[in-house]
Amino acid sequence: MKALILAAGYATRLYPLTKDRPKPLLPIGGRALIDYLVDQLETLDELDGIAVVTNHRFADHFRDWAHSRQARLPLEVLDDGTDTPENRLGAIGDAAWTIRMLGLDEPLLIAAADNIFPFSFRDFAAFAAKKGTDCLSCYRLDDPERLKRTGIVAVSPEGRVLRFEEKSPQPWSDLSVPPVYLYQRETLPLFEEYLAGGNNPDAPGHFVPWLLARRPVHAFRFEGPVMDIGTPQSYAAACRAFESKAGTSRTAPPHAQETQEGRF
C-alpha cells in the first residue's frame, strides 16, 4: 500500500499566513500540521511509502521539511508543475497525475494535508481490508453550517455508502466525510476515466458519487471532530486546542485571531 498526501493548494483564504509558506507547514502545537498526518500513516504496517504532491511554488519548502524529518518510511515530494491558483490541477487532478507518474498499481490511501484526523488509521485500513472495497470515513457533525463545507453521506446498516454529496448547500445528512480515502488497486485507473469525462477535478469528494455508480464503497464510522484548517479562525482554534492540551503558553501567529466561527 502507498499513501498520497494532497498538499498542492494555495490556501488563499489563509493569506497572509500562507502567502510565502504552504498551509501544511504551518506550526500547530510546536510541529508542522502535516507531521500529525505522517505520524498516523507511519502506524500502518502494510504501508511501504508516502508521496506528498505539491505545487511548484512550495515544492522546495516540502523538500526541506521532508529532509529534516526522520521518517520511518520512504517520503517522496512530487512537484505537479503548477504555480498559481488559476492553473492548479485540483485534488483529483493531482491524484490522477501522481498515480500516472508513479505507475501505482496497489491500494492507495489518499488524505488531505490540512486536516488532523482523530481516529486510528490502523483501524481504518483494517476495516477496508475486511470489506475489500474502496472506503471513506465519516462522523456525526451537529453543525449545519460546517456540513455545508464538507462531504456528507448516507450509509446502510452494513456500512455501505448509499449516497454522497460534496459541499451540499442544503445538507440532507449529519454524517460528515473528511478528506481521507482508501482506494483498491482496481479503482486507480478510474481517476483518469473520471477526468476524461470532464468531471470536477477539485475537491476529492467529487470523485465519490461518480465512483458509486461503478463500484461499492463502504464508510468507516468514528467519533469526531476533525480539525480542518481552512481559515485563520480555524487555524487559531486548532492552535488553542493544542495549547490547552499541552498546557503551554504558545500563541497562534498574530493574523490568526479566533472567532466563534473558528471554534470546534
C-alpha atoms as a PDB file:
ATOM      1  CA  MET A   1       0.000   0.000   0.000  1.00  0.00           C
ATOM      2  CA  LYS A   2       1.071   3.560  -0.746  1.00  0.00           C
ATOM      3  CA  ALA A   3      -0.167   6.824   0.753  1.00  0.00           C
ATOM      4  CA  LEU A   4      -0.689  10.094  -1.084  1.00  0.00           C
ATOM      5  CA  ILE A   5      -0.826  13.369   0.824  1.00  0.00           C
ATOM      6  CA  LEU A   6      -2.584  16.152  -1.081  1.00  0.00           C
ATOM      7  CA  ALA A   7      -0.673  19.391  -0.491  1.00  0.00           C
ATOM      8  CA  ALA A   8      -0.829  21.314  -3.775  1.00  0.00           C
ATOM      9  CA  GLY A   9      -3.301  24.003  -2.762  1.00  0.00           C
ATOM     10  CA  TYR A  10      -2.501  27.694  -2.342  1.00  0.00           C
ATOM     11  CA  ALA A  11      -4.628  28.376   0.777  1.00  0.00           C
ATOM     12  CA  THR A  12      -5.634  31.881  -0.316  1.00  0.00           C
ATOM     13  CA  ARG A  13      -8.234  32.066   2.474  1.00  0.00           C
ATOM     14  CA  LEU A  14      -5.372  31.992   4.970  1.00  0.00           C
ATOM     15  CA  TYR A  15      -3.441  34.920   3.473  1.00  0.00           C
ATOM     16  CA  PRO A  16      -1.184  36.466   4.693  1.00  0.00           C
ATOM     17  CA  LEU A  17      -0.223  33.418   6.780  1.00  0.00           C
ATOM     18  CA  THR A  18       0.219  31.297   3.667  1.00  0.00           C
ATOM     19  CA  LYS A  19       1.477  33.908   1.220  1.00  0.00           C
ATOM     20  CA  ASP A  20       5.013  32.524   1.377  1.00  0.00           C
ATOM     21  CA  ARG A  21       4.518  29.276   3.288  1.00  0.00           C
ATOM     22  CA  PRO A  22       2.308  26.268   2.483  1.00  0.00           C
ATOM     23  CA  LYS A  23      -0.584  25.647   4.830  1.00  0.00           C
ATOM     24  CA  PRO A  24       0.505  22.076   5.770  1.00  0.00           C
ATOM     25  CA  LEU A  25       3.761  23.502   7.149  1.00  0.00           C
ATOM     26  CA  LEU A  26       2.072  25.995   9.482  1.00  0.00           C
ATOM     27  CA  PRO A  27       3.041  25.298  13.102  1.00  0.00           C
ATOM     28  CA  ILE A  28       0.485  23.762  15.441  1.00  0.00           C
ATOM     29  CA  GLY A  29       1.486  22.583  18.884  1.00  0.00           C
ATOM     30  CA  GLY A  30       5.148  23.098  18.077  1.00  0.00           C
ATOM     31  CA  ARG A  31       5.102  20.955  14.930  1.00  0.00           C
ATOM     32  CA  ALA A  32       4.114  21.319  11.291  1.00  0.00           C
ATOM     33  CA  LEU A  33       0.470  20.489  10.604  1.00  0.00           C
ATOM     34  CA  ILE A  34       1.462  17.767   8.128  1.00  0.00           C
ATOM     35  CA  ASP A  35       3.576  15.984  10.766  1.00  0.00           C
ATOM     36  CA  TYR A  36       0.463  14.751  12.565  1.00  0.00           C
ATOM     37  CA  LEU A  37      -0.780  13.084   9.387  1.00  0.00           C
ATOM     38  CA  VAL A  38       2.576  11.442   8.647  1.00  0.00           C
ATOM     39  CA  ASP A  39       2.679  10.120  12.217  1.00  0.00           C
ATOM     40  CA  GLN A  40      -0.648   8.385  11.644  1.00  0.00           C
ATOM     41  CA  LEU A  41       0.413   6.975   8.287  1.00  0.00           C
ATOM     42  CA  GLU A  42       3.568   5.527   9.814  1.00  0.00           C
ATOM     43  CA  THR A  43       1.459   3.336  12.121  1.00  0.00           C
ATOM     44  CA  LEU A  44       0.311   1.287   9.103  1.00  0.00           C
ATOM     45  CA  ASP A  45       2.308  -1.943   8.856  1.00  0.00           C
ATOM     46  CA  GLU A  46       1.151  -2.514   5.273  1.00  0.00           C
ATOM     47  CA  LEU A  47       2.307   0.926   4.087  1.00  0.00           C
ATOM     48  CA  ASP A  48       5.649   0.982   2.270  1.00  0.00           C
ATOM     49  CA  GLY A  49       5.880   4.569   1.042  1.00  0.00           C
ATOM     50  CA  ILE A  50       4.406   8.071   1.253  1.00  0.00           C
ATOM     51  CA  ALA A  51       4.167  10.616  -1.563  1.00  0.00           C
ATOM     52  CA  VAL A  52       3.419  14.292  -0.978  1.00  0.00           C
ATOM     53  CA  VAL A  53       2.128  16.072  -4.073  1.00  0.00           C
ATOM     54  CA  THR A  54       2.521  19.834  -4.056  1.00  0.00           C
ATOM     55  CA  ASN A  55       2.854  22.745  -6.461  1.00  0.00           C
ATOM     56  CA  HIS A  56       5.997  24.290  -7.915  1.00  0.00           C
ATOM     57  CA  ARG A  57       5.811  27.366  -5.700  1.00  0.00           C
ATOM     58  CA  PHE A  58       6.101  25.334  -2.496  1.00  0.00           C
ATOM     59  CA  ALA A  59       7.975  22.220  -3.634  1.00  0.00           C
ATOM     60  CA  ASP A  60      11.270  23.305  -2.065  1.00  0.00           C
ATOM     61  CA  HIS A  61       9.534  24.056   1.225  1.00  0.00           C
ATOM     62  CA  PHE A  62       8.267  20.490   1.375  1.00  0.00           C
ATOM     63  CA  ARG A  63      11.616  19.045   0.308  1.00  0.00           C
ATOM     64  CA  ASP A  64      13.300  20.895   3.172  1.00  0.00           C
ATOM     65  CA  TRP A  65      10.653  19.612   5.580  1.00  0.00           C
ATOM     66  CA  ALA A  66      10.983  16.016   4.318  1.00  0.00           C
ATOM     67  CA  HIS A  67      14.776  16.193   4.597  1.00  0.00           C
ATOM     68  CA  SER A  68      14.558  17.388   8.200  1.00  0.00           C
ATOM     69  CA  ARG A  69      12.032  14.752   9.238  1.00  0.00           C
ATOM     70  CA  GLN A  70      13.342  11.340  10.263  1.00  0.00           C
ATOM     71  CA  ALA A  71      10.621   9.335   8.569  1.00  0.00           C
ATOM     72  CA  ARG A  72      10.135   5.630   9.174  1.00  0.00           C
ATOM     73  CA  LEU A  73       9.016   5.165   5.570  1.00  0.00           C
ATOM     74  CA  PRO A  74      10.292   6.488   2.223  1.00  0.00           C
ATOM     75  CA  LEU A  75       8.901  10.008   1.821  1.00  0.00           C
ATOM     76  CA  GLU A  76       8.813  11.493  -1.687  1.00  0.00           C
ATOM     77  CA  VAL A  77       7.851  15.054  -2.594  1.00  0.00           C
ATOM     78  CA  LEU A  78       6.320  15.492  -6.060  1.00  0.00           C
ATOM     79  CA  ASP A  79       6.067  18.828  -7.884  1.00  0.00           C
ATOM     80  CA  ASP A  80       2.964  18.935 -10.110  1.00  0.00           C
ATOM     81  CA  GLY A  81       4.385  21.900 -12.050  1.00  0.00           C
ATOM     82  CA  THR A  82       1.630  24.413 -11.278  1.00  0.00           C
ATOM     83  CA  ASP A  83       2.498  27.799  -9.832  1.00  0.00           C
ATOM     84  CA  THR A  84      -0.756  29.748  -9.398  1.00  0.00           C
ATOM     85  CA  PRO A  85      -4.250  29.025  -8.052  1.00  0.00           C
ATOM     86  CA  GLU A  86      -5.565  29.582 -11.578  1.00  0.00           C
ATOM     87  CA  ASN A  87      -3.630  26.698 -13.157  1.00  0.00           C
ATOM     88  CA  ARG A  88      -3.792  24.223 -10.262  1.00  0.00           C
ATOM     89  CA  LEU A  89      -4.716  20.641 -11.129  1.00  0.00           C
ATOM     90  CA  GLY A  90      -7.187  20.199  -8.256  1.00  0.00           C
ATOM     91  CA  ALA A  91      -7.132  17.390  -5.700  1.00  0.00           C
ATOM     92  CA  ILE A  92      -8.489  14.740  -8.070  1.00  0.00           C
ATOM     93  CA  GLY A  93      -6.267  16.010 -10.863  1.00  0.00           C
ATOM     94  CA  ASP A  94      -3.247  15.707  -8.576  1.00  0.00           C
ATOM     95  CA  ALA A  95      -4.266  12.198  -7.535  1.00  0.00           C
ATOM     96  CA  ALA A  96      -4.577  11.086 -11.163  1.00  0.00           C
ATOM     97  CA  TRP A  97      -1.262  12.775 -12.037  1.00  0.00           C
ATOM     98  CA  THR A  98       0.526  11.030  -9.162  1.00  0.00           C
ATOM     99  CA  ILE A  99      -0.945   7.626  -9.997  1.00  0.00           C
ATOM    100  CA  ARG A 100       0.267   8.063 -13.557  1.00  0.00           C
ATOM    101  CA  MET A 101       3.700   9.456 -12.654  1.00  0.00           C
ATOM    102  CA  LEU A 102       4.487   6.714 -10.135  1.00  0.00           C
ATOM    103  CA  GLY A 103       2.777   3.911 -12.054  1.00  0.00           C
ATOM    104  CA  LEU A 104       0.828   2.947  -8.938  1.00  0.00           C
ATOM    105  CA  ASP A 105      -0.848  -0.453  -9.007  1.00  0.00           C
ATOM    106  CA  GLU A 106      -1.652  -1.178  -5.360  1.00  0.00           C
ATOM    107  CA  PRO A 107      -4.075   0.089  -2.707  1.00  0.00           C
ATOM    108  CA  LEU A 108      -3.746   3.832  -2.177  1.00  0.00           C
ATOM    109  CA  LEU A 109      -4.670   5.871   0.888  1.00  0.00           C
ATOM    110  CA  ILE A 110      -5.320   9.493  -0.066  1.00  0.00           C
ATOM    111  CA  ALA A 111      -5.525  12.207   2.589  1.00  0.00           C
ATOM    112  CA  ALA A 112      -5.544  15.996   2.607  1.00  0.00           C
ATOM    113  CA  ALA A 113      -2.586  17.585   4.373  1.00  0.00           C
ATOM    114  CA  ASP A 114      -4.615  20.311   6.083  1.00  0.00           C
ATOM    115  CA  ASN A 115      -6.651  18.128   8.448  1.00  0.00           C
ATOM    116  CA  ILE A 116      -5.916  16.446  11.766  1.00  0.00           C
ATOM    117  CA  PHE A 117      -7.852  13.199  11.975  1.00  0.00           C
ATOM    118  CA  PRO A 118      -8.866  11.872  15.426  1.00  0.00           C
ATOM    119  CA  PHE A 119      -9.170   8.186  14.544  1.00  0.00           C
ATOM    120  CA  SER A 120      -6.808   5.240  14.149  1.00  0.00           C
ATOM    121  CA  PHE A 121      -5.586   4.770  10.591  1.00  0.00           C
ATOM    122  CA  ARG A 122      -4.811   1.154  11.514  1.00  0.00           C
ATOM    123  CA  ASP A 123      -8.494   0.602  12.307  1.00  0.00           C
ATOM    124  CA  PHE A 124      -9.469   2.348   9.068  1.00  0.00           C
ATOM    125  CA  ALA A 125      -7.133   0.159   6.988  1.00  0.00           C
ATOM    126  CA  ALA A 126      -8.327  -2.991   8.778  1.00  0.00           C
ATOM    127  CA  PHE A 127     -11.935  -2.029   8.031  1.00  0.00           C
ATOM    128  CA  ALA A 128     -11.122  -1.539   4.337  1.00  0.00           C
ATOM    129  CA  ALA A 129      -9.275  -4.860   4.196  1.00  0.00           C
ATOM    130  CA  LYS A 130     -12.253  -6.649   5.749  1.00  0.00           C
ATOM    131  CA  LYS A 131     -14.730  -5.071   3.323  1.00  0.00           C
ATOM    132  CA  GLY A 132     -12.446  -5.475   0.305  1.00  0.00           C
ATOM    133  CA  THR A 133     -13.847  -2.280  -1.218  1.00  0.00           C
ATOM    134  CA  ASP A 134     -12.988   1.375  -1.541  1.00  0.00           C
ATOM    135  CA  CYS A 135     -13.627   3.125   1.771  1.00  0.00           C
ATOM    136  CA  LEU A 136     -14.182   6.575   3.173  1.00  0.00           C
ATOM    137  CA  SER A 137     -14.638   7.695   6.770  1.00  0.00           C
ATOM    138  CA  CYS A 138     -17.434   9.631   8.433  1.00  0.00           C
ATOM    139  CA  TYR A 139     -18.569  11.035  11.755  1.00  0.00           C
ATOM    140  CA  ARG A 140     -21.659  12.729  13.135  1.00  0.00           C
ATOM    141  CA  LEU A 141     -21.478  16.522  12.953  1.00  0.00           C
ATOM    142  CA  ASP A 142     -24.231  18.593  14.564  1.00  0.00           C
ATOM    143  CA  ASP A 143     -23.400  21.863  12.820  1.00  0.00           C
ATOM    144  CA  PRO A 144     -25.450  22.661   9.684  1.00  0.00           C
ATOM    145  CA  GLU A 145     -23.104  25.444   8.570  1.00  0.00           C
ATOM    146  CA  ARG A 146     -19.996  23.265   8.771  1.00  0.00           C
ATOM    147  CA  LEU A 147     -21.872  20.463   6.991  1.00  0.00           C
ATOM    148  CA  LYS A 148     -22.243  22.803   4.006  1.00  0.00           C
ATOM    149  CA  ARG A 149     -18.448  22.895   3.732  1.00  0.00           C
ATOM    150  CA  THR A 150     -17.813  19.153   3.815  1.00  0.00           C
ATOM    151  CA  GLY A 151     -18.861  15.954   2.111  1.00  0.00           C
ATOM    152  CA  ILE A 152     -21.956  14.254   3.522  1.00  0.00           C
ATOM    153  CA  VAL A 153     -23.041  10.661   3.215  1.00  0.00           C
ATOM    154  CA  ALA A 154     -25.912   8.215   3.706  1.00  0.00           C
ATOM    155  CA  VAL A 155     -24.871   4.758   4.893  1.00  0.00           C
ATOM    156  CA  SER A 156     -26.685   1.406   5.093  1.00  0.00           C
ATOM    157  CA  PRO A 157     -26.776  -0.582   8.372  1.00  0.00           C
ATOM    158  CA  GLU A 158     -23.989  -2.720   6.900  1.00  0.00           C
ATOM    159  CA  GLY A 159     -21.818   0.339   6.293  1.00  0.00           C
ATOM    160  CA  ARG A 160     -22.267   0.605   2.534  1.00  0.00           C
ATOM    161  CA  VAL A 161     -22.370   4.117   1.111  1.00  0.00           C
ATOM    162  CA  LEU A 162     -25.766   4.777  -0.458  1.00  0.00           C
ATOM    163  CA  ARG A 163     -25.404   8.435  -1.359  1.00  0.00           C
ATOM    164  CA  PHE A 164     -22.695  11.095  -1.223  1.00  0.00           C
ATOM    165  CA  GLU A 165     -22.583  14.818  -1.934  1.00  0.00           C
ATOM    166  CA  GLU A 166     -19.675  17.240  -1.674  1.00  0.00           C
ATOM    167  CA  LYS A 167     -20.469  20.596  -0.028  1.00  0.00           C
ATOM    168  CA  SER A 168     -24.242  20.441  -0.293  1.00  0.00           C
ATOM    169  CA  PRO A 169     -25.933  23.869   0.015  1.00  0.00           C
ATOM    170  CA  GLN A 170     -28.768  22.082   1.850  1.00  0.00           C
ATOM    171  CA  PRO A 171     -27.274  19.218   3.893  1.00  0.00           C
ATOM    172  CA  TRP A 172     -29.542  16.176   3.998  1.00  0.00           C
ATOM    173  CA  SER A 173     -27.305  14.159   6.340  1.00  0.00           C
ATOM    174  CA  ASP A 174     -25.378  14.870   9.538  1.00  0.00           C
ATOM    175  CA  LEU A 175     -22.650  12.363   8.645  1.00  0.00           C
ATOM    176  CA  SER A 176     -19.603  14.385   7.629  1.00  0.00           C
ATOM    177  CA  VAL A 177     -16.883  12.908   5.406  1.00  0.00           C
ATOM    178  CA  PRO A 178     -13.350  14.244   5.951  1.00  0.00           C
ATOM    179  CA  PRO A 179     -10.810  14.094   3.101  1.00  0.00           C
ATOM    180  CA  VAL A 180      -9.240  10.687   3.715  1.00  0.00           C
ATOM    181  CA  TYR A 181      -9.994   7.731   1.434  1.00  0.00           C
ATOM    182  CA  LEU A 182      -8.615   4.259   0.839  1.00  0.00           C
ATOM    183  CA  TYR A 183      -8.905   3.003  -2.742  1.00  0.00           C
ATOM    184  CA  GLN A 184      -8.309  -0.524  -4.001  1.00  0.00           C
ATOM    185  CA  ARG A 185      -5.803  -1.014  -6.814  1.00  0.00           C
ATOM    186  CA  GLU A 186      -8.584  -1.739  -9.333  1.00  0.00           C
ATOM    187  CA  THR A 187     -10.001   1.738  -8.760  1.00  0.00           C
ATOM    188  CA  LEU A 188      -6.862   3.716  -9.564  1.00  0.00           C
ATOM    189  CA  PRO A 189      -7.297   3.732 -13.389  1.00  0.00           C
ATOM    190  CA  LEU A 190     -10.766   5.204 -12.875  1.00  0.00           C
ATOM    191  CA  PHE A 191      -9.305   8.559 -11.832  1.00  0.00           C
ATOM    192  CA  GLU A 192      -8.193   9.168 -15.422  1.00  0.00           C
ATOM    193  CA  GLU A 193     -11.554   7.980 -16.745  1.00  0.00           C
ATOM    194  CA  TYR A 194     -13.336  10.376 -14.385  1.00  0.00           C
ATOM    195  CA  LEU A 195     -11.276  13.337 -15.578  1.00  0.00           C
ATOM    196  CA  ALA A 196     -11.595  12.356 -19.235  1.00  0.00           C
ATOM    197  CA  GLY A 197     -15.353  12.717 -18.818  1.00  0.00           C
ATOM    198  CA  GLY A 198     -14.963  16.400 -17.985  1.00  0.00           C
ATOM    199  CA  ASN A 199     -15.839  15.974 -14.308  1.00  0.00           C
ATOM    200  CA  ASN A 200     -14.845  18.331 -11.483  1.00  0.00           C
ATOM    201  CA  PRO A 201     -11.102  17.883 -10.733  1.00  0.00           C
ATOM    202  CA  ASP A 202     -11.080  19.811  -7.492  1.00  0.00           C
ATOM    203  CA  ALA A 203     -12.197  18.563  -4.025  1.00  0.00           C
ATOM    204  CA  PRO A 204     -11.501  14.824  -3.605  1.00  0.00           C
ATOM    205  CA  GLY A 205     -15.092  14.100  -2.600  1.00  0.00           C
ATOM    206  CA  HIS A 206     -16.402  14.893  -6.094  1.00  0.00           C
ATOM    207  CA  PHE A 207     -14.982  11.564  -7.257  1.00  0.00           C
ATOM    208  CA  VAL A 208     -17.124   9.501  -4.860  1.00  0.00           C
ATOM    209  CA  PRO A 209     -20.652   9.936  -6.357  1.00  0.00           C
ATOM    210  CA  TRP A 210     -19.253   9.057  -9.788  1.00  0.00           C
ATOM    211  CA  LEU A 211     -17.499   6.021  -8.309  1.00  0.00           C
ATOM    212  CA  LEU A 212     -20.656   4.791  -6.544  1.00  0.00           C
ATOM    213  CA  ALA A 213     -22.245   4.068  -9.917  1.00  0.00           C
ATOM    214  CA  ARG A 214     -19.352   1.726 -10.727  1.00  0.00           C
ATOM    215  CA  ARG A 215     -18.033   0.164  -7.522  1.00  0.00           C
ATOM    216  CA  PRO A 216     -19.216  -0.437  -3.940  1.00  0.00           C
ATOM    217  CA  VAL A 217     -17.881   1.944  -1.307  1.00  0.00           C
ATOM    218  CA  HIS A 218     -18.056   1.478   2.467  1.00  0.00           C
ATOM    219  CA  ALA A 219     -17.913   4.012   5.297  1.00  0.00           C
ATOM    220  CA  PHE A 220     -15.794   3.693   8.425  1.00  0.00           C
ATOM    221  CA  ARG A 221     -17.523   5.412  11.360  1.00  0.00           C
ATOM    222  CA  PHE A 222     -15.539   7.247  14.020  1.00  0.00           C
ATOM    223  CA  GLU A 223     -16.057   9.815  16.768  1.00  0.00           C
ATOM    224  CA  GLY A 224     -15.182  13.348  15.726  1.00  0.00           C
ATOM    225  CA  PRO A 225     -14.352  16.102  15.490  1.00  0.00           C
ATOM    226  CA  VAL A 226     -11.828  16.554  12.699  1.00  0.00           C
ATOM    227  CA  MET A 227      -9.629  19.647  12.769  1.00  0.00           C
ATOM    228  CA  ASP A 228      -9.973  21.180   9.299  1.00  0.00           C
ATOM    229  CA  ILE A 229      -7.548  24.080   8.919  1.00  0.00           C
ATOM    230  CA  GLY A 230      -9.198  26.218   6.263  1.00  0.00           C
ATOM    231  CA  THR A 231      -9.443  29.745   7.650  1.00  0.00           C
ATOM    232  CA  PRO A 232      -7.497  31.985  10.055  1.00  0.00           C
ATOM    233  CA  GLN A 233     -10.231  31.299  12.596  1.00  0.00           C
ATOM    234  CA  SER A 234      -9.993  27.507  12.362  1.00  0.00           C
ATOM    235  CA  TYR A 235      -6.198  27.707  12.468  1.00  0.00           C
ATOM    236  CA  ALA A 236      -6.355  29.810  15.638  1.00  0.00           C
ATOM    237  CA  ALA A 237      -8.830  27.349  17.152  1.00  0.00           C
ATOM    238  CA  ALA A 238      -6.516  24.417  16.404  1.00  0.00           C
ATOM    239  CA  CYS A 239      -3.547  26.229  17.946  1.00  0.00           C
ATOM    240  CA  ARG A 240      -5.573  26.987  21.050  1.00  0.00           C
ATOM    241  CA  ALA A 241      -6.749  23.379  21.314  1.00  0.00           C
ATOM    242  CA  PHE A 242      -3.169  22.135  21.268  1.00  0.00           C
ATOM    243  CA  GLU A 243      -2.069  24.802  23.737  1.00  0.00           C
ATOM    244  CA  SER A 244      -4.835  23.783  26.112  1.00  0.00           C
ATOM    245  CA  LYS A 245      -3.964  20.107  25.759  1.00  0.00           C
ATOM    246  CA  ALA A 246      -0.257  20.684  26.319  1.00  0.00           C
ATOM    247  CA  GLY A 247      -0.669  23.387  28.950  1.00  0.00           C
ATOM    248  CA  THR A 248       1.751  25.658  27.098  1.00  0.00           C
ATOM    249  CA  SER A 249       1.773  29.400  26.594  1.00  0.00           C
ATOM    250  CA  ARG A 250       2.413  29.301  22.843  1.00  0.00           C
ATOM    251  CA  THR A 251       0.110  31.518  20.818  1.00  0.00           C
ATOM    252  CA  ALA A 252      -1.000  31.493  17.219  1.00  0.00           C
ATOM    253  CA  PRO A 253       0.567  33.984  14.807  1.00  0.00           C
ATOM    254  CA  PRO A 254      -0.950  37.481  15.070  1.00  0.00           C
ATOM    255  CA  HIS A 255      -3.083  37.177  11.925  1.00  0.00           C
ATOM    256  CA  ALA A 256      -4.849  34.072  13.294  1.00  0.00           C
ATOM    257  CA  GLN A 257      -7.398  35.530  15.684  1.00  0.00           C
ATOM    258  CA  GLU A 258     -10.102  33.174  16.926  1.00  0.00           C
ATOM    259  CA  THR A 259     -13.764  33.923  16.332  1.00  0.00           C
ATOM    260  CA  GLN A 260     -16.900  32.000  17.215  1.00  0.00           C
ATOM    261  CA  GLU A 261     -16.908  30.518  13.681  1.00  0.00           C
ATOM    262  CA  GLY A 262     -13.477  29.006  14.203  1.00  0.00           C
ATOM    263  CA  ARG A 263     -14.241  27.023  17.355  1.00  0.00           C
ATOM    264  CA  PHE A 264     -14.551  23.279  17.159  1.00  0.00           C
END
